């Protein structure tokens, strides 16, 4: 709902924390943007996004970096960064098609990266992200929490906070818990059952480069790593579901 009246948490997210997504009457007219620092960050919150999709919300996804540094040498014959980036882009396109996201709602920004393969915290990257967010005109924005050991999650969150503050964009942010999240407040929980977990596991396995790397380095697949966090969240919340995704809600409009 991009409208004259700003959208606030109180419009549809009132009540004690944590809120449960399935109990919320979220207007279908609200536009959703997902800022994914890497290919696969979209899929890590796939159950929540599926519920918003089924609710009728329009979803736009921006993948911000190539993710090439996360591909092992030789995977599908890829050794150089450009080839690895192509692998990850095709994996993301395939997962989004299976999810049901129209091709024209998936954008790869390919922000400039530093020597370690992380997004450069510079003005040019900030401007590109600002242009995307302003043009997408979202009401709700999903992205990984910045209190995280991953530099890209930290830098993208910092970019986003600055963009929202300076442009006074009418958005509410939902920052998700990730395997590398250090700490966060739990404001919203999406509980889900074994059937949804199987669906999410299939979605995650489209990222075969990450699945194989996790098997090689952690002795567990990418699907199990993410679903393991979802099991932990559910246990901590003590809900009736075996899995859950969790989010901190942040509305920073107008802050200086």
Foldseek 3Di string as FASTA:
>chain_A
DLDPDFDDCVVWPDDDPQAEVVPTPDQLAFEEEEEAQAQCQCLLALVVVLVSVVNNHHYAYEHEALCLLLFDACDVHDHDSVVSSVLSVVLSVVLCVVSPHDPVRYHYNHADADPNRAHDLDPVSLVSVLVVCVVSLGAEYEAADLQFPDPNSVSVVVSVLVSCAVVLRSYKYWHWDDLGHDDDDFHYKYFDAPVVLVVSLVSSCSSVSQQVVCCVPVVGGPSCSSQVVQQVVCVVVVDPHRGMITTDMDDDGNPD
